[in-house]
Amino acid sequence: MPIPDEGEPSGGTPVTATHPGDPLAPGSVSIRLYPHNELAAHDVVAELCAQASLALRVGFDGVMTSEHHGGFAGYLPNPLQMASFILEENPTGWAAACPLLLPLRPTALVAEEVAWLHARHPGRVGLGVAAGALPLDFEVMGVPASTAVSVFKAELPRIVDMLRGRDLGQLAGEPALRACADRPVRVLSAAVSVAAARRAARCGAGILMEGMSPVERLAAVSAGYGEAGGTASRVLIRRVWLGDPRSDLIGRQRQVYDGFTGATTAFGEDQTVSTGDPHRMVERLVDIVRRSGADSLNLRVHLPGMSSGSVRDQIGRLGAEVVAPLKQWWADHADHAR
């Protein structure tokens, strides 16, 4: 399905620097999965693995899971462990804990665990990291929330270097970390501001741009990343829905998020891309990519209260009708990405 050419994106390095099937690579289209917490724990895991297998089978390049604790809004406390479950059950495709809350655990431990997972599944593991902001996450771990940002700023360059096999210090004897010198693990840093994007650029991380901000804000973040010399991936999250929008569920989730930010207008207007026409969805997503400066997409459909059957149906339809045209557009524009 051809996509209208409305001019080329600006700046940046070409998508051809990596293969779009590589973890978190430019040109990739991945899906973000969330647990159905209304299920029993063993069924939560089974359903997530089933959705991941379906997504990889219908054309998504990879699967992301992300971290919060205490069952918050359908998130996971152990996204890296879930990535390992997904990788063991599927012979192709990648998985990433993205984002994992870096200040909640020792950086060396994160590096070791990711590197050994990468040793088991070479070329199929990615990592995204964030500072975190939800008080509960820090309270349950006995970590002071007041130090989260400063710890994150200090540890981001370290995790990037370690997963490139650099500056290992006392961990220089770790074979899995040493192997990252030849085959690094790509790392994204959550970036909701220009300053965060520049920080990621300086240490060689890519950026993960959240899905609730308007395109204009994301464009400024992406531009700041490029101006600071960033050459890695710029991944944009967007919630999508083929069909009538689930405004009731979206409103319910936004109330949860606004509750912990303390401002009912914190996220502005809803950014869900919703249409019953797959071609129109592709056009809208391409437009968002062009205007934001993103070079890869992470799509999500899940909302608290949504049935697992509805999520599976959306994954199947998106894979059949949206993912392939998006990836073809990127392939056609590989020489002038961003």
C-alpha atoms as a PDB file:
ATOM      1  CA  MET A   1       0.000   0.000   0.000  1.00  0.00           C
ATOM      2  CA  PRO A   2       1.686   3.239  -1.103  1.00  0.00           C
ATOM      3  CA  ILE A   3       1.960   6.110   1.345  1.00  0.00           C
ATOM      4  CA  PRO A   4       1.717   9.648  -0.027  1.00  0.00           C
ATOM      5  CA  ASP A   5       5.100  11.380  -0.101  1.00  0.00           C
ATOM      6  CA  GLU A   6       4.746  14.727   1.674  1.00  0.00           C
ATOM      7  CA  GLY A   7       8.411  15.690   1.863  1.00  0.00           C
ATOM      8  CA  GLU A   8      11.300  14.142   3.714  1.00  0.00           C
ATOM      9  CA  PRO A   9      12.055  14.147   7.433  1.00  0.00           C
ATOM     10  CA  SER A  10      14.946  16.309   8.527  1.00  0.00           C
ATOM     11  CA  GLY A  11      18.419  15.570   9.908  1.00  0.00           C
ATOM     12  CA  GLY A  12      19.770  12.529  11.703  1.00  0.00           C
ATOM     13  CA  THR A  13      21.528   9.367  10.621  1.00  0.00           C
ATOM     14  CA  PRO A  14      20.114   6.932   8.067  1.00  0.00           C
ATOM     15  CA  VAL A  15      17.923   4.005   8.972  1.00  0.00           C
ATOM     16  CA  THR A  16      20.309   1.806   6.984  1.00  0.00           C
ATOM     17  CA  ALA A  17      22.818   2.009   9.872  1.00  0.00           C
ATOM     18  CA  THR A  18      21.046  -1.018  11.406  1.00  0.00           C
ATOM     19  CA  HIS A  19      18.633  -3.682  10.293  1.00  0.00           C
ATOM     20  CA  PRO A  20      15.042  -2.834  11.335  1.00  0.00           C
ATOM     21  CA  GLY A  21      14.691  -6.319  12.786  1.00  0.00           C
ATOM     22  CA  ASP A  22      17.425  -5.624  15.347  1.00  0.00           C
ATOM     23  CA  PRO A  23      16.278  -4.763  18.879  1.00  0.00           C
ATOM     24  CA  LEU A  24      15.075  -1.149  19.176  1.00  0.00           C
ATOM     25  CA  ALA A  25      16.522  -0.376  15.745  1.00  0.00           C
ATOM     26  CA  PRO A  26      15.500   2.482  13.461  1.00  0.00           C
ATOM     27  CA  GLY A  27      12.750   1.364  11.132  1.00  0.00           C
ATOM     28  CA  SER A  28      11.290  -1.126  13.595  1.00  0.00           C
ATOM     29  CA  VAL A  29       7.666  -1.433  14.650  1.00  0.00           C
ATOM     30  CA  SER A  30       7.179  -3.053  18.053  1.00  0.00           C
ATOM     31  CA  ILE A  31       4.328  -3.548  20.481  1.00  0.00           C
ATOM     32  CA  ARG A  32       4.070  -2.729  24.180  1.00  0.00           C
ATOM     33  CA  LEU A  33       2.242  -5.323  26.259  1.00  0.00           C
ATOM     34  CA  TYR A  34       0.616  -4.987  29.676  1.00  0.00           C
ATOM     35  CA  PRO A  35      -0.662  -7.587  32.145  1.00  0.00           C
ATOM     36  CA  HIS A  36      -4.356  -8.268  32.592  1.00  0.00           C
ATOM     37  CA  ASN A  37      -4.345  -7.947  36.369  1.00  0.00           C
ATOM     38  CA  GLU A  38      -7.907  -9.207  36.670  1.00  0.00           C
ATOM     39  CA  LEU A  39      -6.477 -12.694  35.975  1.00  0.00           C
ATOM     40  CA  ALA A  40      -4.709 -15.023  38.381  1.00  0.00           C
ATOM     41  CA  ALA A  41      -0.930 -14.593  38.383  1.00  0.00           C
ATOM     42  CA  HIS A  42      -0.163 -17.710  36.316  1.00  0.00           C
ATOM     43  CA  ASP A  43      -2.810 -16.677  33.777  1.00  0.00           C
ATOM     44  CA  VAL A  44      -1.321 -13.168  33.587  1.00  0.00           C
ATOM     45  CA  VAL A  45       1.985 -14.661  32.478  1.00  0.00           C
ATOM     46  CA  ALA A  46       0.360 -17.101  30.067  1.00  0.00           C
ATOM     47  CA  GLU A  47      -1.721 -14.375  28.439  1.00  0.00           C
ATOM     48  CA  LEU A  48       1.232 -12.008  28.051  1.00  0.00           C
ATOM     49  CA  CYS A  49       3.290 -14.750  26.444  1.00  0.00           C
ATOM     50  CA  ALA A  50       0.413 -15.643  24.120  1.00  0.00           C
ATOM     51  CA  GLN A  51      -0.029 -12.011  23.052  1.00  0.00           C
ATOM     52  CA  ALA A  52       3.718 -11.684  22.483  1.00  0.00           C
ATOM     53  CA  SER A  53       3.796 -14.812  20.325  1.00  0.00           C
ATOM     54  CA  LEU A  54       0.841 -13.556  18.307  1.00  0.00           C
ATOM     55  CA  ALA A  55       2.463 -10.147  17.794  1.00  0.00           C
ATOM     56  CA  LEU A  56       5.758 -11.618  16.598  1.00  0.00           C
ATOM     57  CA  ARG A  57       3.919 -14.046  14.336  1.00  0.00           C
ATOM     58  CA  VAL A  58       1.869 -11.324  12.598  1.00  0.00           C
ATOM     59  CA  GLY A  59       4.811  -9.041  11.850  1.00  0.00           C
ATOM     60  CA  PHE A  60       5.808  -6.917  14.840  1.00  0.00           C
ATOM     61  CA  ASP A  61       9.597  -6.773  15.169  1.00  0.00           C
ATOM     62  CA  GLY A  62       9.660  -6.961  18.938  1.00  0.00           C
ATOM     63  CA  VAL A  63       7.870  -6.709  22.273  1.00  0.00           C
ATOM     64  CA  MET A  64       8.365  -4.239  25.118  1.00  0.00           C
ATOM     65  CA  THR A  65       7.217  -4.564  28.715  1.00  0.00           C
ATOM     66  CA  SER A  66       7.638  -1.818  31.303  1.00  0.00           C
ATOM     67  CA  GLU A  67       7.929  -1.449  35.064  1.00  0.00           C
ATOM     68  CA  HIS A  68       5.812  -0.288  37.959  1.00  0.00           C
ATOM     69  CA  HIS A  69       5.135  -2.050  41.244  1.00  0.00           C
ATOM     70  CA  GLY A  70       2.088  -2.970  43.309  1.00  0.00           C
ATOM     71  CA  GLY A  71      -0.064  -3.807  40.296  1.00  0.00           C
ATOM     72  CA  PHE A  72      -0.154  -0.169  39.218  1.00  0.00           C
ATOM     73  CA  ALA A  73      -2.317   0.413  36.110  1.00  0.00           C
ATOM     74  CA  GLY A  74      -1.469  -2.973  34.631  1.00  0.00           C
ATOM     75  CA  TYR A  75       2.317  -2.735  34.712  1.00  0.00           C
ATOM     76  CA  LEU A  76       4.910  -5.358  35.668  1.00  0.00           C
ATOM     77  CA  PRO A  77       7.448  -5.392  38.504  1.00  0.00           C
ATOM     78  CA  ASN A  78       9.796  -7.624  36.481  1.00  0.00           C
ATOM     79  CA  PRO A  79       9.934  -6.595  32.803  1.00  0.00           C
ATOM     80  CA  LEU A  80      13.342  -8.154  32.218  1.00  0.00           C
ATOM     81  CA  GLN A  81      12.130 -11.506  33.504  1.00  0.00           C
ATOM     82  CA  MET A  82       9.088 -11.238  31.234  1.00  0.00           C
ATOM     83  CA  ALA A  83      11.399 -10.537  28.305  1.00  0.00           C
ATOM     84  CA  SER A  84      13.191 -13.796  29.079  1.00  0.00           C
ATOM     85  CA  PHE A  85       9.875 -15.704  29.072  1.00  0.00           C
ATOM     86  CA  ILE A  86       8.975 -14.240  25.676  1.00  0.00           C
ATOM     87  CA  LEU A  87      12.352 -14.983  24.138  1.00  0.00           C
ATOM     88  CA  GLU A  88      12.332 -18.596  25.324  1.00  0.00           C
ATOM     89  CA  GLU A  89       8.927 -19.217  23.737  1.00  0.00           C
ATOM     90  CA  ASN A  90       9.638 -17.597  20.364  1.00  0.00           C
ATOM     91  CA  PRO A  91      12.436 -18.422  17.921  1.00  0.00           C
ATOM     92  CA  THR A  92      12.366 -15.003  16.237  1.00  0.00           C
ATOM     93  CA  GLY A  93      11.776 -11.395  17.204  1.00  0.00           C
ATOM     94  CA  TRP A  94      13.234  -9.357  20.032  1.00  0.00           C
ATOM     95  CA  ALA A  95      12.161  -8.400  23.532  1.00  0.00           C
ATOM     96  CA  ALA A  96      13.095  -5.482  25.768  1.00  0.00           C
ATOM     97  CA  ALA A  97      12.442  -4.374  29.317  1.00  0.00           C
ATOM     98  CA  CYS A  98      11.621  -0.841  28.271  1.00  0.00           C
ATOM     99  CA  PRO A  99      11.667   1.088  30.427  1.00  0.00           C
ATOM    100  CA  LEU A 100      13.172  -0.563  33.469  1.00  0.00           C
ATOM    101  CA  LEU A 101      13.504   1.795  36.458  1.00  0.00           C
ATOM    102  CA  LEU A 102      17.272   2.015  36.821  1.00  0.00           C
ATOM    103  CA  PRO A 103      17.493   3.687  40.289  1.00  0.00           C
ATOM    104  CA  LEU A 104      15.649   0.772  41.915  1.00  0.00           C
ATOM    105  CA  ARG A 105      18.480  -1.728  41.498  1.00  0.00           C
ATOM    106  CA  PRO A 106      22.287  -1.758  41.235  1.00  0.00           C
ATOM    107  CA  THR A 107      23.462  -0.855  37.748  1.00  0.00           C
ATOM    108  CA  ALA A 108      26.053  -3.638  37.729  1.00  0.00           C
ATOM    109  CA  LEU A 109      23.335  -6.189  38.458  1.00  0.00           C
ATOM    110  CA  VAL A 110      21.174  -4.861  35.615  1.00  0.00           C
ATOM    111  CA  ALA A 111      24.142  -5.022  33.248  1.00  0.00           C
ATOM    112  CA  GLU A 112      24.987  -8.596  34.234  1.00  0.00           C
ATOM    113  CA  GLU A 113      21.412  -9.826  33.899  1.00  0.00           C
ATOM    114  CA  VAL A 114      20.883  -8.164  30.528  1.00  0.00           C
ATOM    115  CA  ALA A 115      24.248  -9.378  29.201  1.00  0.00           C
ATOM    116  CA  TRP A 116      23.562 -12.986  30.176  1.00  0.00           C
ATOM    117  CA  LEU A 117      20.094 -12.837  28.632  1.00  0.00           C
ATOM    118  CA  HIS A 118      21.798 -11.524  25.514  1.00  0.00           C
ATOM    119  CA  ALA A 119      24.235 -14.453  25.679  1.00  0.00           C
ATOM    120  CA  ARG A 120      21.274 -16.822  25.654  1.00  0.00           C
ATOM    121  CA  HIS A 121      19.461 -14.929  22.875  1.00  0.00           C
ATOM    122  CA  PRO A 122      22.144 -13.032  20.928  1.00  0.00           C
ATOM    123  CA  GLY A 123      20.887 -10.148  18.855  1.00  0.00           C
ATOM    124  CA  ARG A 124      17.389 -10.360  20.333  1.00  0.00           C
ATOM    125  CA  VAL A 125      17.659  -8.317  23.553  1.00  0.00           C
ATOM    126  CA  GLY A 126      17.201  -4.583  24.097  1.00  0.00           C
ATOM    127  CA  LEU A 127      16.929  -2.367  27.163  1.00  0.00           C
ATOM    128  CA  GLY A 128      15.216   0.891  27.961  1.00  0.00           C
ATOM    129  CA  VAL A 129      15.749   2.723  31.247  1.00  0.00           C
ATOM    130  CA  ALA A 130      14.002   5.512  33.139  1.00  0.00           C
ATOM    131  CA  ALA A 131      14.380   7.361  36.429  1.00  0.00           C
ATOM    132  CA  GLY A 132      10.844   6.660  37.634  1.00  0.00           C
ATOM    133  CA  ALA A 133       8.403   9.036  39.305  1.00  0.00           C
ATOM    134  CA  LEU A 134       5.711   6.971  41.023  1.00  0.00           C
ATOM    135  CA  PRO A 135       6.224   7.157  44.825  1.00  0.00           C
ATOM    136  CA  LEU A 136       5.010   3.598  45.389  1.00  0.00           C
ATOM    137  CA  ASP A 137       7.851   2.168  43.278  1.00  0.00           C
ATOM    138  CA  PHE A 138      10.438   3.675  45.607  1.00  0.00           C
ATOM    139  CA  GLU A 139       8.555   3.063  48.847  1.00  0.00           C
ATOM    140  CA  VAL A 140       8.227  -0.682  48.294  1.00  0.00           C
ATOM    141  CA  MET A 141      11.910  -0.982  47.398  1.00  0.00           C
ATOM    142  CA  GLY A 142      13.135   1.134  50.313  1.00  0.00           C
ATOM    143  CA  VAL A 143      14.822   3.565  47.926  1.00  0.00           C
ATOM    144  CA  PRO A 144      14.478   7.333  48.501  1.00  0.00           C
ATOM    145  CA  ALA A 145      12.559   8.864  45.616  1.00  0.00           C
ATOM    146  CA  SER A 146      14.426  12.135  46.162  1.00  0.00           C
ATOM    147  CA  THR A 147      17.619  10.587  44.790  1.00  0.00           C
ATOM    148  CA  ALA A 148      16.064   8.972  41.702  1.00  0.00           C
ATOM    149  CA  VAL A 149      16.954  11.635  39.162  1.00  0.00           C
ATOM    150  CA  SER A 150      20.514  12.186  40.382  1.00  0.00           C
ATOM    151  CA  VAL A 151      21.148   8.429  40.478  1.00  0.00           C
ATOM    152  CA  PHE A 152      19.716   8.026  37.009  1.00  0.00           C
ATOM    153  CA  LYS A 153      21.886  10.789  35.570  1.00  0.00           C
ATOM    154  CA  ALA A 154      24.984   9.193  37.046  1.00  0.00           C
ATOM    155  CA  GLU A 155      24.148   5.610  36.081  1.00  0.00           C
ATOM    156  CA  LEU A 156      22.821   6.084  32.531  1.00  0.00           C
ATOM    157  CA  PRO A 157      26.286   6.466  30.940  1.00  0.00           C
ATOM    158  CA  ARG A 158      27.504   3.520  32.991  1.00  0.00           C
ATOM    159  CA  ILE A 159      24.814   1.071  31.840  1.00  0.00           C
ATOM    160  CA  VAL A 160      25.317   2.145  28.217  1.00  0.00           C
ATOM    161  CA  ASP A 161      29.069   1.589  28.451  1.00  0.00           C
ATOM    162  CA  MET A 162      28.797  -1.728  30.257  1.00  0.00           C
ATOM    163  CA  LEU A 163      26.436  -3.116  27.640  1.00  0.00           C
ATOM    164  CA  ARG A 164      29.035  -2.171  25.051  1.00  0.00           C
ATOM    165  CA  GLY A 165      31.667  -4.125  26.972  1.00  0.00           C
ATOM    166  CA  ARG A 166      33.418  -0.933  28.131  1.00  0.00           C
ATOM    167  CA  ASP A 167      34.678   0.276  31.519  1.00  0.00           C
ATOM    168  CA  LEU A 168      33.742  -2.963  33.262  1.00  0.00           C
ATOM    169  CA  GLY A 169      36.089  -2.461  36.207  1.00  0.00           C
ATOM    170  CA  GLN A 170      35.810  -5.348  38.635  1.00  0.00           C
ATOM    171  CA  LEU A 171      33.359  -7.043  36.267  1.00  0.00           C
ATOM    172  CA  ALA A 172      35.969  -7.367  33.526  1.00  0.00           C
ATOM    173  CA  GLY A 173      36.009 -11.117  34.133  1.00  0.00           C
ATOM    174  CA  GLU A 174      32.335 -11.486  33.170  1.00  0.00           C
ATOM    175  CA  PRO A 175      32.273 -13.292  29.789  1.00  0.00           C
ATOM    176  CA  ALA A 176      28.766 -12.087  28.910  1.00  0.00           C
ATOM    177  CA  LEU A 177      29.709  -8.453  29.485  1.00  0.00           C
ATOM    178  CA  ARG A 178      32.992  -8.825  27.609  1.00  0.00           C
ATOM    179  CA  ALA A 179      31.054 -10.273  24.668  1.00  0.00           C
ATOM    180  CA  CYS A 180      29.056  -7.027  24.449  1.00  0.00           C
ATOM    181  CA  ALA A 181      32.175  -5.360  23.035  1.00  0.00           C
ATOM    182  CA  ASP A 182      31.612  -7.346  19.835  1.00  0.00           C
ATOM    183  CA  ARG A 183      27.810  -7.304  19.895  1.00  0.00           C
ATOM    184  CA  PRO A 184      26.468  -4.471  22.072  1.00  0.00           C
ATOM    185  CA  VAL A 185      23.010  -4.329  23.584  1.00  0.00           C
ATOM    186  CA  ARG A 186      21.172  -1.226  22.409  1.00  0.00           C
ATOM    187  CA  VAL A 187      19.951   1.031  25.253  1.00  0.00           C
ATOM    188  CA  LEU A 188      17.200   3.659  25.180  1.00  0.00           C
ATOM    189  CA  SER A 189      16.695   6.376  27.763  1.00  0.00           C
ATOM    190  CA  ALA A 190      13.196   7.670  28.483  1.00  0.00           C
ATOM    191  CA  ALA A 191      13.121  11.308  27.385  1.00  0.00           C
ATOM    192  CA  VAL A 192      10.264  13.671  28.157  1.00  0.00           C
ATOM    193  CA  SER A 193      12.346  16.849  27.897  1.00  0.00           C
ATOM    194  CA  VAL A 194      15.049  18.325  25.692  1.00  0.00           C
ATOM    195  CA  ALA A 195      17.513  18.105  28.581  1.00  0.00           C
ATOM    196  CA  ALA A 196      16.851  14.372  28.941  1.00  0.00           C
ATOM    197  CA  ALA A 197      17.294  13.879  25.209  1.00  0.00           C
ATOM    198  CA  ARG A 198      20.617  15.702  25.230  1.00  0.00           C
ATOM    199  CA  ARG A 199      21.794  13.622  28.176  1.00  0.00           C
ATOM    200  CA  ALA A 200      20.996  10.435  26.248  1.00  0.00           C
ATOM    201  CA  ALA A 201      22.797  11.721  23.172  1.00  0.00           C
ATOM    202  CA  ARG A 202      25.963  12.520  25.121  1.00  0.00           C
ATOM    203  CA  CYS A 203      26.314   8.960  26.420  1.00  0.00           C
ATOM    204  CA  GLY A 204      25.312   7.164  23.228  1.00  0.00           C
ATOM    205  CA  ALA A 205      21.852   5.985  24.247  1.00  0.00           C
ATOM    206  CA  GLY A 206      18.792   6.230  22.039  1.00  0.00           C
ATOM    207  CA  ILE A 207      15.627   7.907  23.293  1.00  0.00           C
ATOM    208  CA  LEU A 208      12.186   6.577  24.166  1.00  0.00           C
ATOM    209  CA  MET A 209       9.549   9.281  23.715  1.00  0.00           C
ATOM    210  CA  GLU A 210       6.356   8.723  25.686  1.00  0.00           C
ATOM    211  CA  GLY A 211       2.978   8.390  24.075  1.00  0.00           C
ATOM    212  CA  MET A 212       0.892  11.070  25.798  1.00  0.00           C
ATOM    213  CA  SER A 213       2.660  14.208  24.568  1.00  0.00           C
ATOM    214  CA  PRO A 214       1.663  16.207  21.464  1.00  0.00           C
ATOM    215  CA  VAL A 215       3.804  15.989  18.355  1.00  0.00           C
ATOM    216  CA  GLU A 216       5.173  19.502  18.776  1.00  0.00           C
ATOM    217  CA  ARG A 217       6.700  18.649  22.140  1.00  0.00           C
ATOM    218  CA  LEU A 218       8.164  15.421  20.795  1.00  0.00           C
ATOM    219  CA  ALA A 219       9.671  17.263  17.845  1.00  0.00           C
ATOM    220  CA  ALA A 220      11.529  19.560  20.238  1.00  0.00           C
ATOM    221  CA  VAL A 221      12.816  16.559  22.209  1.00  0.00           C
ATOM    222  CA  SER A 222      13.946  14.824  19.015  1.00  0.00           C
ATOM    223  CA  ALA A 223      15.598  17.969  17.684  1.00  0.00           C
ATOM    224  CA  GLY A 224      17.460  18.444  20.949  1.00  0.00           C
ATOM    225  CA  TYR A 225      18.719  14.880  20.691  1.00  0.00           C
ATOM    226  CA  GLY A 226      20.064  15.450  17.191  1.00  0.00           C
ATOM    227  CA  GLU A 227      21.620  18.802  18.072  1.00  0.00           C
ATOM    228  CA  ALA A 228      23.507  17.129  20.935  1.00  0.00           C
ATOM    229  CA  GLY A 229      25.003  14.606  18.518  1.00  0.00           C
ATOM    230  CA  GLY A 230      22.595  11.723  19.112  1.00  0.00           C
ATOM    231  CA  THR A 231      22.786   9.064  16.412  1.00  0.00           C
ATOM    232  CA  ALA A 232      20.899   6.126  17.966  1.00  0.00           C
ATOM    233  CA  SER A 233      17.205   5.291  17.739  1.00  0.00           C
ATOM    234  CA  ARG A 234      14.382   7.710  18.470  1.00  0.00           C
ATOM    235  CA  VAL A 235      11.481   5.477  19.451  1.00  0.00           C
ATOM    236  CA  LEU A 236       7.990   6.909  19.812  1.00  0.00           C
ATOM    237  CA  ILE A 237       5.202   5.229  21.774  1.00  0.00           C
ATOM    238  CA  ARG A 238       1.663   5.663  20.466  1.00  0.00           C
ATOM    239  CA  ARG A 239      -1.594   4.088  21.554  1.00  0.00           C
ATOM    240  CA  VAL A 240      -3.607   2.939  18.541  1.00  0.00           C
ATOM    241  CA  TRP A 241      -7.027   1.426  17.996  1.00  0.00           C
ATOM    242  CA  LEU A 242      -8.594   0.081  14.813  1.00  0.00           C
ATOM    243  CA  GLY A 243     -12.255   0.944  15.272  1.00  0.00           C
ATOM    244  CA  ASP A 244     -14.247   3.296  17.455  1.00  0.00           C
ATOM    245  CA  PRO A 245     -12.112   4.820  20.243  1.00  0.00           C
ATOM    246  CA  ARG A 246     -12.541   3.427  23.763  1.00  0.00           C
ATOM    247  CA  SER A 247     -13.015   6.863  25.281  1.00  0.00           C
ATOM    248  CA  ASP A 248     -14.351   5.492  28.568  1.00  0.00           C
ATOM    249  CA  LEU A 249     -11.284   3.344  29.213  1.00  0.00           C
ATOM    250  CA  ILE A 250      -8.886   6.047  28.037  1.00  0.00           C
ATOM    251  CA  GLY A 251     -10.489   8.531  30.405  1.00  0.00           C
ATOM    252  CA  ARG A 252     -10.240   6.079  33.288  1.00  0.00           C
ATOM    253  CA  GLN A 253      -6.534   5.502  32.698  1.00  0.00           C
ATOM    254  CA  ARG A 254      -5.769   9.203  32.363  1.00  0.00           C
ATOM    255  CA  GLN A 255      -7.406   9.772  35.743  1.00  0.00           C
ATOM    256  CA  VAL A 256      -4.989   7.258  37.259  1.00  0.00           C
ATOM    257  CA  TYR A 257      -1.952   8.962  35.695  1.00  0.00           C
ATOM    258  CA  ASP A 258      -3.172  12.450  36.541  1.00  0.00           C
ATOM    259  CA  GLY A 259      -3.691  11.283  40.105  1.00  0.00           C
ATOM    260  CA  PHE A 260      -0.023  10.540  40.642  1.00  0.00           C
ATOM    261  CA  THR A 261       1.241  13.592  38.735  1.00  0.00           C
ATOM    262  CA  GLY A 262      -1.054  15.818  40.770  1.00  0.00           C
ATOM    263  CA  ALA A 263      -2.333  17.799  37.804  1.00  0.00           C
ATOM    264  CA  THR A 264      -5.443  16.964  35.809  1.00  0.00           C
ATOM    265  CA  THR A 265      -4.047  18.693  32.718  1.00  0.00           C
ATOM    266  CA  ALA A 266      -0.551  17.220  32.970  1.00  0.00           C
ATOM    267  CA  PHE A 267      -0.720  15.270  29.728  1.00  0.00           C
ATOM    268  CA  GLY A 268      -2.898  17.548  27.601  1.00  0.00           C
ATOM    269  CA  GLU A 269      -5.220  16.130  24.962  1.00  0.00           C
ATOM    270  CA  ASP A 270      -5.422  12.403  24.314  1.00  0.00           C
ATOM    271  CA  GLN A 271      -3.007  11.310  21.572  1.00  0.00           C
ATOM    272  CA  THR A 272      -4.598   7.955  20.687  1.00  0.00           C
ATOM    273  CA  VAL A 273      -4.615   7.250  16.945  1.00  0.00           C
ATOM    274  CA  SER A 274      -8.024   5.712  16.384  1.00  0.00           C
ATOM    275  CA  THR A 275      -9.755   4.973  13.079  1.00  0.00           C
ATOM    276  CA  GLY A 276     -11.604   2.122  11.453  1.00  0.00           C
ATOM    277  CA  ASP A 277      -9.565   2.498   8.261  1.00  0.00           C
ATOM    278  CA  PRO A 278      -6.133   0.784   8.369  1.00  0.00           C
ATOM    279  CA  HIS A 279      -4.833   2.874   5.460  1.00  0.00           C
ATOM    280  CA  ARG A 280      -5.815   6.050   7.285  1.00  0.00           C
ATOM    281  CA  MET A 281      -4.066   4.793  10.434  1.00  0.00           C
ATOM    282  CA  VAL A 282      -0.845   4.223   8.484  1.00  0.00           C
ATOM    283  CA  GLU A 283      -1.079   7.720   7.015  1.00  0.00           C
ATOM    284  CA  ARG A 284      -1.595   9.272  10.445  1.00  0.00           C
ATOM    285  CA  LEU A 285       1.279   7.355  11.998  1.00  0.00           C
ATOM    286  CA  VAL A 286       3.600   8.286   9.125  1.00  0.00           C
ATOM    287  CA  ASP A 287       2.629  11.927   9.623  1.00  0.00           C
ATOM    288  CA  ILE A 288       3.410  11.696  13.339  1.00  0.00           C
ATOM    289  CA  VAL A 289       6.770  10.098  12.585  1.00  0.00           C
ATOM    290  CA  ARG A 290       7.661  12.817  10.078  1.00  0.00           C
ATOM    291  CA  ARG A 291       6.672  15.698  12.316  1.00  0.00           C
ATOM    292  CA  SER A 292       8.100  14.304  15.557  1.00  0.00           C
ATOM    293  CA  GLY A 293      11.474  13.197  14.204  1.00  0.00           C
ATOM    294  CA  ALA A 294      10.961   9.627  15.455  1.00  0.00           C
ATOM    295  CA  ASP A 295      12.548   6.802  13.496  1.00  0.00           C
ATOM    296  CA  SER A 296      10.730   3.821  15.008  1.00  0.00           C
ATOM    297  CA  LEU A 297       7.373   3.134  16.587  1.00  0.00           C
ATOM    298  CA  ASN A 298       6.210   1.239  19.638  1.00  0.00           C
ATOM    299  CA  LEU A 299       2.458   0.686  19.482  1.00  0.00           C
ATOM    300  CA  ARG A 300       0.145  -0.129  22.371  1.00  0.00           C
ATOM    301  CA  VAL A 301      -3.523  -1.051  22.501  1.00  0.00           C
ATOM    302  CA  HIS A 302      -4.078  -2.237  26.071  1.00  0.00           C
ATOM    303  CA  LEU A 303      -6.087  -0.231  28.591  1.00  0.00           C
ATOM    304  CA  PRO A 304      -7.102  -1.293  32.115  1.00  0.00           C
ATOM    305  CA  GLY A 305     -10.476  -3.015  31.889  1.00  0.00           C
ATOM    306  CA  MET A 306      -9.956  -4.186  28.297  1.00  0.00           C
ATOM    307  CA  SER A 307     -10.469  -7.893  27.740  1.00  0.00           C
ATOM    308  CA  SER A 308      -7.616 -10.102  26.599  1.00  0.00           C
ATOM    309  CA  GLY A 309      -9.715 -11.099  23.593  1.00  0.00           C
ATOM    310  CA  SER A 310     -10.015  -7.466  22.488  1.00  0.00           C
ATOM    311  CA  VAL A 311      -6.264  -6.995  22.811  1.00  0.00           C
ATOM    312  CA  ARG A 312      -5.528 -10.128  20.794  1.00  0.00           C
ATOM    313  CA  ASP A 313      -7.970  -9.040  18.095  1.00  0.00           C
ATOM    314  CA  GLN A 314      -6.249  -5.667  17.810  1.00  0.00           C
ATOM    315  CA  ILE A 315      -2.790  -7.244  17.670  1.00  0.00           C
ATOM    316  CA  GLY A 316      -3.904  -9.502  14.842  1.00  0.00           C
ATOM    317  CA  ARG A 317      -5.542  -6.726  12.851  1.00  0.00           C
ATOM    318  CA  LEU A 318      -2.646  -4.324  13.320  1.00  0.00           C
ATOM    319  CA  GLY A 319      -0.174  -6.960  12.210  1.00  0.00           C
ATOM    320  CA  ALA A 320      -2.187  -7.816   9.127  1.00  0.00           C
ATOM    321  CA  GLU A 321      -3.198  -4.314   8.060  1.00  0.00           C
ATOM    322  CA  VAL A 322      -0.903  -1.681   9.597  1.00  0.00           C
ATOM    323  CA  VAL A 323       2.544  -3.020  10.527  1.00  0.00           C
ATOM    324  CA  ALA A 324       3.604  -4.211   7.075  1.00  0.00           C
ATOM    325  CA  PRO A 325       2.758  -0.897   5.320  1.00  0.00           C
ATOM    326  CA  LEU A 326       4.582   1.045   8.047  1.00  0.00           C
ATOM    327  CA  LYS A 327       7.689  -1.087   7.667  1.00  0.00           C
ATOM    328  CA  GLN A 328       7.496  -0.779   3.895  1.00  0.00           C
ATOM    329  CA  TRP A 329       7.339   3.001   4.196  1.00  0.00           C
ATOM    330  CA  TRP A 330      10.499   2.967   6.285  1.00  0.00           C
ATOM    331  CA  ALA A 331      12.206   0.653   3.810  1.00  0.00           C
ATOM    332  CA  ASP A 332      11.287   2.991   0.948  1.00  0.00           C
ATOM    333  CA  HIS A 333      12.665   5.990   2.879  1.00  0.00           C
ATOM    334  CA  ALA A 334      15.758   4.318   4.303  1.00  0.00           C
ATOM    335  CA  ASP A 335      18.181   6.699   2.593  1.00  0.00           C
ATOM    336  CA  HIS A 336      16.647   9.819   4.126  1.00  0.00           C
ATOM    337  CA  ALA A 337      15.277   8.895   7.535  1.00  0.00           C
ATOM    338  CA  ARG A 338      14.281  11.604  10.047  1.00  0.00           C
END
